[in-house]
Structure formats: structure tokens, C-alpha cells
Amino acid sequence: MNVFVYGTLRKGQRLHCVISNYIENINDGYIRGAKMYDLTGGSYPHVTLTKNNRDYIRGELIEFKSEYEIDAFKRMDIIELPAGYKREIVEVFFYTPNDSTNNDELKTIDAAIYVINDIDRLISCDKSTRIVECGDWIKYKCDIRKPKKS
């Protein structure tokens, strides 16, 4: 089973090291029917599935080396499940090179994703919640750190 990651487990982010030794392949990708929130002032993203195809998030589709797949999911479960996330299956859109046409080819595959269990409860507890409109945690973090133009 592949996994779609969208925040701190992405390449170059602070928790990527938790799974980096288990990875066979990474592709940029996106999912539809999901919305991303910042409830922590830029520390961690929270995603919920909306079933609305206009909502989407960007991230990475990770394929694990088959001999390490179970270990990789155990490590992610240790981080994500106690923090209020649950594992779901989603359709991920991603591009792969097509050598015969020299164009990238859009493909889809089912993958696991960790989504927040009870976003409504979290939002009601923290009035500073922001929707990550761009759907990309890395871009969002860069944008919120930019100095404001006066």
C-alpha cells in the first residue's frame, strides 16, 4: 500500500526522516475531496475529507520498499494515531514520465492518507484556525513566513 503525505512527512520536512529509509519512490501528487487546515500556527497541517471535488490538497505519493511497508506504516501510526488522525484510503492523482511521447502521463492510484478524526471539535476549541486555501502545506508555510508588504 502506498501513502499520500501532505505535511511534515513530506520530503525536506521535519518528520520525513521517520520514513525516509523505507521509501522506494516518491511522486508529486494531489487528491480531490479534501480540505487542509492550520490549527497550530504553522506547526502541523490537519486534513479532512469533504467529498467536494473542488477541494484539493497537494502532497507526495510514497511507494515503500515492499520488505519495509509494514514497518513504515507502524512508524507513521505511532505518530499519527495518538494525535487524533485516522488512516483512510483515497484516490491520488500523479504524473509519471512517458518515454515514448516525452510527455508526463496523469495516473491515479489508491493510497492511504492520515486525516483528522474530529475537525469540528478542534476548530471549536481554537478560533485561530485557518483554511489552507492553496492546498499545499509547504507553499502555505513559506507564504505565512513572508514579511507583510506595507
N, C-alpha and C. Protein backbone atom coordinates (compact mmCIF):
# COMPACT_ATOMS: atom_id res chain seq x y z
N MET A 1 0.86 -1.19 0.00
CA MET A 1 0.00 0.00 0.00
C MET A 1 0.89 1.24 0.00
N ASN A 2 0.56 2.17 -0.85
CA ASN A 2 1.23 3.47 -0.89
C ASN A 2 0.59 4.40 0.13
N VAL A 3 1.27 5.51 0.40
CA VAL A 3 0.72 6.52 1.31
C VAL A 3 0.85 7.89 0.64
N PHE A 4 -0.15 8.73 0.87
CA PHE A 4 -0.11 10.12 0.41
C PHE A 4 0.18 10.98 1.62
N VAL A 5 1.29 11.72 1.57
CA VAL A 5 1.66 12.60 2.68
C VAL A 5 1.57 14.04 2.22
N TYR A 6 1.19 14.93 3.13
CA TYR A 6 0.91 16.31 2.74
C TYR A 6 1.55 17.35 3.66
N GLY A 7 2.21 16.92 4.72
CA GLY A 7 2.74 17.89 5.69
C GLY A 7 4.15 17.56 6.13
N THR A 8 4.30 17.28 7.40
CA THR A 8 5.63 17.11 8.00
C THR A 8 6.33 15.82 7.58
N LEU A 9 5.62 14.88 6.94
CA LEU A 9 6.26 13.66 6.43
C LEU A 9 6.78 13.83 5.00
N ARG A 10 6.50 14.98 4.37
CA ARG A 10 6.98 15.21 3.01
C ARG A 10 8.49 15.38 2.97
N LYS A 11 9.05 15.15 1.80
CA LYS A 11 10.49 15.28 1.59
C LYS A 11 10.95 16.69 2.01
N GLY A 12 12.00 16.75 2.82
CA GLY A 12 12.54 18.02 3.27
C GLY A 12 11.87 18.58 4.52
N GLN A 13 10.81 17.94 4.98
CA GLN A 13 10.11 18.41 6.17
C GLN A 13 10.61 17.66 7.40
N ARG A 14 10.30 18.17 8.58
CA ARG A 14 10.97 17.72 9.81
C ARG A 14 10.72 16.26 10.21
N LEU A 15 9.63 15.63 9.81
CA LEU A 15 9.38 14.24 10.18
C LEU A 15 9.61 13.25 9.03
N HIS A 16 10.11 13.75 7.91
CA HIS A 16 10.37 12.86 6.77
C HIS A 16 11.34 11.73 7.15
N CYS A 17 12.26 12.02 8.06
CA CYS A 17 13.25 11.02 8.48
C CYS A 17 12.61 9.78 9.10
N VAL A 18 11.39 9.89 9.58
CA VAL A 18 10.69 8.75 10.18
C VAL A 18 10.48 7.63 9.16
N ILE A 19 10.30 8.01 7.88
CA ILE A 19 10.01 7.01 6.85
C ILE A 19 11.04 6.98 5.72
N SER A 20 12.00 7.87 5.72
CA SER A 20 12.89 8.03 4.56
C SER A 20 13.65 6.75 4.19
N ASN A 21 14.04 5.94 5.15
CA ASN A 21 14.80 4.72 4.84
C ASN A 21 13.95 3.62 4.21
N TYR A 22 12.64 3.77 4.24
CA TYR A 22 11.73 2.75 3.73
C TYR A 22 11.22 3.04 2.32
N ILE A 23 11.58 4.19 1.77
CA ILE A 23 10.98 4.67 0.52
C ILE A 23 11.66 4.09 -0.72
N GLU A 24 10.81 3.61 -1.62
CA GLU A 24 11.26 3.14 -2.94
C GLU A 24 11.15 4.26 -3.97
N ASN A 25 10.02 5.01 -3.91
CA ASN A 25 9.75 6.02 -4.93
C ASN A 25 8.84 7.11 -4.36
N ILE A 26 9.02 8.35 -4.83
CA ILE A 26 8.16 9.48 -4.45
C ILE A 26 7.73 10.21 -5.72
N ASN A 27 6.44 10.51 -5.81
CA ASN A 27 5.91 11.33 -6.90
C ASN A 27 5.09 12.46 -6.31
N ASP A 28 5.20 13.64 -6.89
CA ASP A 28 4.29 14.73 -6.52
C ASP A 28 2.90 14.32 -6.95
N GLY A 29 1.91 14.69 -6.15
CA GLY A 29 0.55 14.34 -6.48
C GLY A 29 -0.45 15.23 -5.78
N TYR A 30 -1.71 14.92 -5.99
CA TYR A 30 -2.78 15.65 -5.32
C TYR A 30 -3.98 14.74 -5.16
N ILE A 31 -4.84 15.14 -4.23
CA ILE A 31 -6.12 14.44 -4.05
C ILE A 31 -7.24 15.46 -4.11
N ARG A 32 -8.38 15.01 -4.55
CA ARG A 32 -9.59 15.85 -4.57
C ARG A 32 -10.50 15.42 -3.43
N GLY A 33 -11.39 16.33 -3.02
CA GLY A 33 -12.32 15.99 -1.96
C GLY A 33 -11.68 16.04 -0.59
N ALA A 34 -10.74 16.96 -0.41
CA ALA A 34 -10.06 17.10 0.88
C ALA A 34 -9.75 18.56 1.13
N LYS A 35 -9.80 18.95 2.39
CA LYS A 35 -9.51 20.33 2.78
C LYS A 35 -8.45 20.31 3.87
N MET A 36 -7.53 21.27 3.79
CA MET A 36 -6.43 21.37 4.74
C MET A 36 -6.64 22.57 5.66
N TYR A 37 -6.29 22.37 6.93
CA TYR A 37 -6.43 23.40 7.95
C TYR A 37 -5.11 23.58 8.69
N ASP A 38 -4.91 24.80 9.18
CA ASP A 38 -3.80 25.09 10.09
C ASP A 38 -4.42 25.46 11.43
N LEU A 39 -4.29 24.57 12.39
CA LEU A 39 -4.81 24.81 13.73
C LEU A 39 -3.69 25.11 14.71
N THR A 40 -2.45 25.11 14.22
CA THR A 40 -1.30 25.18 15.13
C THR A 40 -0.34 26.31 14.80
N GLY A 41 -0.77 27.28 14.02
CA GLY A 41 0.11 28.39 13.69
C GLY A 41 1.28 27.99 12.82
N GLY A 42 1.10 27.00 11.97
CA GLY A 42 2.14 26.60 11.04
C GLY A 42 2.96 25.40 11.46
N SER A 43 2.60 24.74 12.55
CA SER A 43 3.38 23.58 13.00
C SER A 43 2.98 22.29 12.29
N TYR A 44 1.67 22.04 12.19
CA TYR A 44 1.18 20.80 11.60
C TYR A 44 -0.08 21.09 10.80
N PRO A 45 -0.23 20.42 9.65
CA PRO A 45 -1.49 20.54 8.92
C PRO A 45 -2.50 19.51 9.42
N HIS A 46 -3.74 19.82 9.24
CA HIS A 46 -4.82 18.88 9.53
C HIS A 46 -5.67 18.79 8.27
N VAL A 47 -6.01 17.59 7.87
CA VAL A 47 -6.79 17.38 6.64
C VAL A 47 -8.05 16.62 6.99
N THR A 48 -9.13 17.00 6.34
CA THR A 48 -10.38 16.28 6.45
C THR A 48 -10.91 16.01 5.04
N LEU A 49 -11.59 14.90 4.87
CA LEU A 49 -12.18 14.56 3.58
C LEU A 49 -13.54 15.22 3.48
N THR A 50 -13.80 15.88 2.35
CA THR A 50 -15.03 16.67 2.18
C THR A 50 -16.00 16.09 1.16
N LYS A 51 -15.52 15.26 0.28
CA LYS A 51 -16.32 14.70 -0.83
C LYS A 51 -16.65 15.76 -1.89
N ASN A 52 -16.11 16.97 -1.76
CA ASN A 52 -16.31 18.04 -2.72
C ASN A 52 -15.08 18.09 -3.64
N ASN A 53 -15.24 17.77 -4.92
CA ASN A 53 -14.10 17.69 -5.83
C ASN A 53 -13.43 19.03 -6.09
N ARG A 54 -14.04 20.13 -5.70
CA ARG A 54 -13.38 21.43 -5.82
C ARG A 54 -12.33 21.62 -4.74
N ASP A 55 -12.44 20.88 -3.64
CA ASP A 55 -11.44 20.92 -2.58
C ASP A 55 -10.32 19.95 -2.96
N TYR A 56 -9.08 20.40 -2.82
CA TYR A 56 -7.97 19.50 -3.12
C TYR A 56 -6.76 19.89 -2.28
N ILE A 57 -5.87 18.92 -2.13
CA ILE A 57 -4.59 19.21 -1.47
C ILE A 57 -3.46 18.58 -2.28
N ARG A 58 -2.31 19.19 -2.18
CA ARG A 58 -1.10 18.71 -2.85
C ARG A 58 -0.20 18.02 -1.84
N GLY A 59 0.54 17.05 -2.32
CA GLY A 59 1.48 16.36 -1.45
C GLY A 59 2.34 15.41 -2.26
N GLU A 60 2.71 14.31 -1.62
CA GLU A 60 3.58 13.33 -2.27
C GLU A 60 3.01 11.92 -2.11
N LEU A 61 3.05 11.19 -3.20
CA LEU A 61 2.67 9.80 -3.20
C LEU A 61 3.94 9.00 -2.93
N ILE A 62 3.94 8.25 -1.85
CA ILE A 62 5.13 7.48 -1.47
C ILE A 62 4.86 5.99 -1.64
N GLU A 63 5.79 5.36 -2.37
CA GLU A 63 5.77 3.91 -2.52
C GLU A 63 6.91 3.37 -1.65
N PHE A 64 6.57 2.47 -0.76
CA PHE A 64 7.58 1.89 0.13
C PHE A 64 8.21 0.65 -0.51
N LYS A 65 9.45 0.38 -0.12
CA LYS A 65 10.08 -0.89 -0.47
C LYS A 65 9.23 -1.97 0.16
N SER A 66 8.88 -2.99 -0.61
CA SER A 66 7.91 -3.98 -0.13
C SER A 66 8.31 -4.63 1.18
N GLU A 67 9.59 -4.87 1.40
CA GLU A 67 10.03 -5.52 2.64
C GLU A 67 9.92 -4.62 3.86
N TYR A 68 9.71 -3.32 3.65
CA TYR A 68 9.64 -2.37 4.77
C TYR A 68 8.26 -1.73 4.94
N GLU A 69 7.31 -2.10 4.11
CA GLU A 69 6.00 -1.45 4.13
C GLU A 69 5.33 -1.52 5.50
N ILE A 70 5.31 -2.67 6.13
CA ILE A 70 4.66 -2.82 7.44
C ILE A 70 5.36 -1.96 8.48
N ASP A 71 6.69 -1.96 8.48
CA ASP A 71 7.44 -1.13 9.43
C ASP A 71 7.17 0.36 9.22
N ALA A 72 7.09 0.78 7.98
CA ALA A 72 6.83 2.19 7.68
C ALA A 72 5.47 2.61 8.23
N PHE A 73 4.44 1.80 8.00
CA PHE A 73 3.11 2.14 8.50
C PHE A 73 3.05 2.10 10.03
N LYS A 74 3.77 1.18 10.64
CA LYS A 74 3.83 1.16 12.11
C LYS A 74 4.42 2.46 12.65
N ARG A 75 5.48 2.93 12.01
CA ARG A 75 6.13 4.18 12.46
C ARG A 75 5.19 5.38 12.29
N MET A 76 4.49 5.42 11.17
CA MET A 76 3.54 6.52 10.95
C MET A 76 2.37 6.43 11.92
N ASP A 77 1.87 5.23 12.16
CA ASP A 77 0.77 5.04 13.11
C ASP A 77 1.14 5.54 14.50
N ILE A 78 2.37 5.30 14.92
CA ILE A 78 2.83 5.74 16.25
C ILE A 78 2.74 7.26 16.37
N ILE A 79 3.01 7.97 15.28
CA ILE A 79 2.96 9.44 15.29
C ILE A 79 1.53 9.94 15.12
N GLU A 80 0.83 9.40 14.15
CA GLU A 80 -0.44 9.98 13.72
C GLU A 80 -1.66 9.57 14.55
N LEU A 81 -1.78 8.31 14.89
CA LEU A 81 -3.00 7.85 15.58
C LEU A 81 -3.19 8.48 16.95
N PRO A 82 -2.15 8.57 17.82
CA PRO A 82 -2.35 9.23 19.12
C PRO A 82 -2.65 10.73 19.01
N ALA A 83 -2.29 11.33 17.87
CA ALA A 83 -2.54 12.77 17.67
C ALA A 83 -3.93 13.05 17.13
N GLY A 84 -4.77 12.01 17.00
CA GLY A 84 -6.15 12.22 16.57
C GLY A 84 -6.39 12.00 15.09
N TYR A 85 -5.44 11.43 14.39
CA TYR A 85 -5.61 11.13 12.97
C TYR A 85 -6.11 9.69 12.81
N LYS A 86 -6.71 9.43 11.67
CA LYS A 86 -7.10 8.06 11.32
C LYS A 86 -6.63 7.81 9.88
N ARG A 87 -6.45 6.56 9.56
CA ARG A 87 -5.99 6.20 8.21
C ARG A 87 -7.20 5.92 7.33
N GLU A 88 -7.22 6.54 6.16
CA GLU A 88 -8.27 6.33 5.16
C GLU A 88 -7.61 5.98 3.84
N ILE A 89 -8.40 5.56 2.87
CA ILE A 89 -7.91 5.28 1.51
C ILE A 89 -8.50 6.33 0.57
N VAL A 90 -7.65 6.93 -0.25
CA VAL A 90 -8.08 7.96 -1.20
C VAL A 90 -7.47 7.67 -2.58
N GLU A 91 -8.06 8.29 -3.58
CA GLU A 91 -7.51 8.22 -4.94
C GLU A 91 -6.53 9.37 -5.11
N VAL A 92 -5.31 9.05 -5.49
CA VAL A 92 -4.25 10.04 -5.67
C VAL A 92 -3.98 10.21 -7.16
N PHE A 93 -3.89 11.45 -7.60
CA PHE A 93 -3.53 11.79 -8.98
C PHE A 93 -2.05 12.15 -8.99
N PHE A 94 -1.30 11.59 -9.94
CA PHE A 94 0.12 11.89 -10.02
C PHE A 94 0.58 11.74 -11.47
N TYR A 95 1.72 12.37 -11.78
CA TYR A 95 2.28 12.31 -13.13
C TYR A 95 3.51 11.42 -13.16
N THR A 96 3.63 10.65 -14.24
CA THR A 96 4.83 9.86 -14.46
C THR A 96 5.33 10.14 -15.87
N PRO A 97 6.63 10.09 -16.08
CA PRO A 97 7.16 10.32 -17.43
C PRO A 97 6.74 9.20 -18.39
N ASN A 98 6.39 9.58 -19.58
CA ASN A 98 6.09 8.61 -20.64
C ASN A 98 7.21 8.76 -21.67
N ASP A 99 8.13 7.81 -21.68
CA ASP A 99 9.31 7.92 -22.54
C ASP A 99 8.98 7.89 -24.03
N SER A 100 7.90 7.23 -24.39
CA SER A 100 7.57 7.13 -25.82
C SER A 100 7.01 8.44 -26.38
N THR A 101 6.39 9.27 -25.53
CA THR A 101 5.82 10.53 -26.02
C THR A 101 6.56 11.75 -25.49
N ASN A 102 7.50 11.57 -24.60
CA ASN A 102 8.23 12.67 -23.95
C ASN A 102 7.30 13.62 -23.19
N ASN A 103 6.14 13.13 -22.81
CA ASN A 103 5.19 13.91 -22.01
C ASN A 103 4.92 13.17 -20.71
N ASP A 104 4.55 13.91 -19.69
CA ASP A 104 4.13 13.27 -18.45
C ASP A 104 2.71 12.75 -18.62
N GLU A 105 2.46 11.62 -18.00
CA GLU A 105 1.15 10.97 -18.10
C GLU A 105 0.46 11.02 -16.74
N LEU A 106 -0.79 11.51 -16.72
CA LEU A 106 -1.56 11.56 -15.48
C LEU A 106 -2.08 10.17 -15.15
N LYS A 107 -1.81 9.73 -13.93
CA LYS A 107 -2.28 8.42 -13.47
C LYS A 107 -2.99 8.59 -12.13
N THR A 108 -3.71 7.56 -11.72
CA THR A 108 -4.32 7.55 -10.40
C THR A 108 -4.02 6.21 -9.72
N ILE A 109 -4.01 6.25 -8.40
CA ILE A 109 -3.79 5.05 -7.62
C ILE A 109 -4.42 5.27 -6.25
N ASP A 110 -4.90 4.21 -5.64
CA ASP A 110 -5.40 4.31 -4.27
C ASP A 110 -4.22 4.28 -3.31
N ALA A 111 -4.30 5.10 -2.26
CA ALA A 111 -3.24 5.17 -1.27
C ALA A 111 -3.85 5.51 0.09
N ALA A 112 -3.11 5.18 1.12
CA ALA A 112 -3.52 5.56 2.48
C ALA A 112 -3.23 7.04 2.69
N ILE A 113 -3.99 7.65 3.57
CA ILE A 113 -3.77 9.03 3.99
C ILE A 113 -4.18 9.11 5.45
N TYR A 114 -3.53 9.97 6.20
CA TYR A 114 -3.91 10.21 7.59
C TYR A 114 -4.71 11.50 7.64
N VAL A 115 -5.97 11.40 8.08
CA VAL A 115 -6.85 12.56 8.19
C VAL A 115 -7.28 12.72 9.64
N ILE A 116 -7.66 13.93 10.00
CA ILE A 116 -8.03 14.21 11.38
C ILE A 116 -9.41 13.62 11.67
N ASN A 117 -9.56 13.06 12.84
CA ASN A 117 -10.79 12.40 13.26
C ASN A 117 -11.96 13.36 13.42
N ASP A 118 -11.77 14.45 14.15
CA ASP A 118 -12.88 15.32 14.53
C ASP A 118 -12.49 16.78 14.35
N ILE A 119 -12.48 17.23 13.09
CA ILE A 119 -12.05 18.60 12.79
C ILE A 119 -12.98 19.63 13.42
N ASP A 120 -14.28 19.34 13.49
CA ASP A 120 -15.22 20.32 14.06
C ASP A 120 -14.91 20.60 15.53
N ARG A 121 -14.57 19.56 16.28
CA ARG A 121 -14.22 19.76 17.69
C ARG A 121 -12.95 20.60 17.81
N LEU A 122 -11.97 20.31 16.98
CA LEU A 122 -10.72 21.06 17.03
C LEU A 122 -10.92 22.53 16.68
N ILE A 123 -11.72 22.77 15.64
CA ILE A 123 -11.99 24.15 15.23
C ILE A 123 -12.72 24.91 16.34
N SER A 124 -13.67 24.27 16.99
CA SER A 124 -14.42 24.94 18.05
C SER A 124 -13.53 25.28 19.25
N CYS A 125 -12.45 24.53 19.43
CA CYS A 125 -11.53 24.80 20.54
C CYS A 125 -10.51 25.88 20.20
N ASP A 126 -10.28 26.14 18.94
CA ASP A 126 -9.24 27.08 18.54
C ASP A 126 -9.80 28.02 17.48
N LYS A 127 -10.11 29.20 17.87
CA LYS A 127 -10.72 30.18 16.96
C LYS A 127 -9.73 30.76 15.95
N SER A 128 -8.43 30.45 16.08
CA SER A 128 -7.44 30.98 15.15
C SER A 128 -7.23 30.04 13.95
N THR A 129 -8.08 29.05 13.80
CA THR A 129 -7.96 28.08 12.70
C THR A 129 -8.03 28.79 11.35
N ARG A 130 -7.14 28.38 10.45
CA ARG A 130 -7.16 28.91 9.09
C ARG A 130 -7.31 27.75 8.11
N ILE A 131 -8.08 27.97 7.07
CA ILE A 131 -8.12 27.02 5.96
C ILE A 131 -6.90 27.30 5.10
N VAL A 132 -6.20 26.26 4.71
CA VAL A 132 -5.04 26.40 3.82
C VAL A 132 -5.59 26.38 2.40
N GLU A 133 -5.92 27.57 1.90
CA GLU A 133 -6.62 27.70 0.62
C GLU A 133 -5.83 27.13 -0.55
N CYS A 134 -4.50 27.27 -0.53
CA CYS A 134 -3.69 26.79 -1.65
C CYS A 134 -3.59 25.27 -1.67
N GLY A 135 -3.95 24.60 -0.56
CA GLY A 135 -3.91 23.15 -0.50
C GLY A 135 -2.52 22.54 -0.45
N ASP A 136 -1.50 23.38 -0.25
CA ASP A 136 -0.11 22.89 -0.24
C ASP A 136 0.57 23.40 1.02
N TRP A 137 0.88 22.50 1.95
CA TRP A 137 1.44 22.89 3.24
C TRP A 137 2.77 23.60 3.12
N ILE A 138 3.64 23.14 2.24
CA ILE A 138 4.96 23.76 2.10
C ILE A 138 4.82 25.18 1.55
N LYS A 139 4.00 25.37 0.53
CA LYS A 139 3.76 26.72 -0.02
C LYS A 139 3.13 27.61 1.05
N TYR A 140 2.18 27.09 1.77
CA TYR A 140 1.50 27.85 2.82
C TYR A 140 2.49 28.31 3.88
N LYS A 141 3.36 27.42 4.33
CA LYS A 141 4.34 27.79 5.36
C LYS A 141 5.27 28.88 4.86
N CYS A 142 5.68 28.82 3.59
CA CYS A 142 6.52 29.88 3.02
C CYS A 142 5.76 31.20 2.98
N ASP A 143 4.49 31.14 2.59
CA ASP A 143 3.68 32.35 2.49
C ASP A 143 3.45 33.01 3.85
N ILE A 144 3.20 32.23 4.92
CA ILE A 144 2.92 32.86 6.21
C ILE A 144 4.19 33.42 6.86
N ARG A 145 5.35 32.98 6.37
CA ARG A 145 6.61 33.48 6.93
C ARG A 145 7.13 34.70 6.20
N LYS A 146 6.56 35.00 5.03
CA LYS A 146 6.99 36.18 4.26
C LYS A 146 6.60 37.44 5.01
N PRO A 147 7.49 38.43 4.99
CA PRO A 147 7.12 39.71 5.63
C PRO A 147 5.94 40.33 4.89
N LYS A 148 5.06 40.92 5.65
CA LYS A 148 3.89 41.59 5.06
C LYS A 148 4.32 42.87 4.38
N LYS A 149 3.76 43.13 3.19
CA LYS A 149 4.05 44.37 2.45
C LYS A 149 3.28 45.50 3.10
N SER A 150 3.95 46.64 3.24
CA SER A 150 3.24 47.78 3.83
C SER A 150 2.95 48.85 2.83
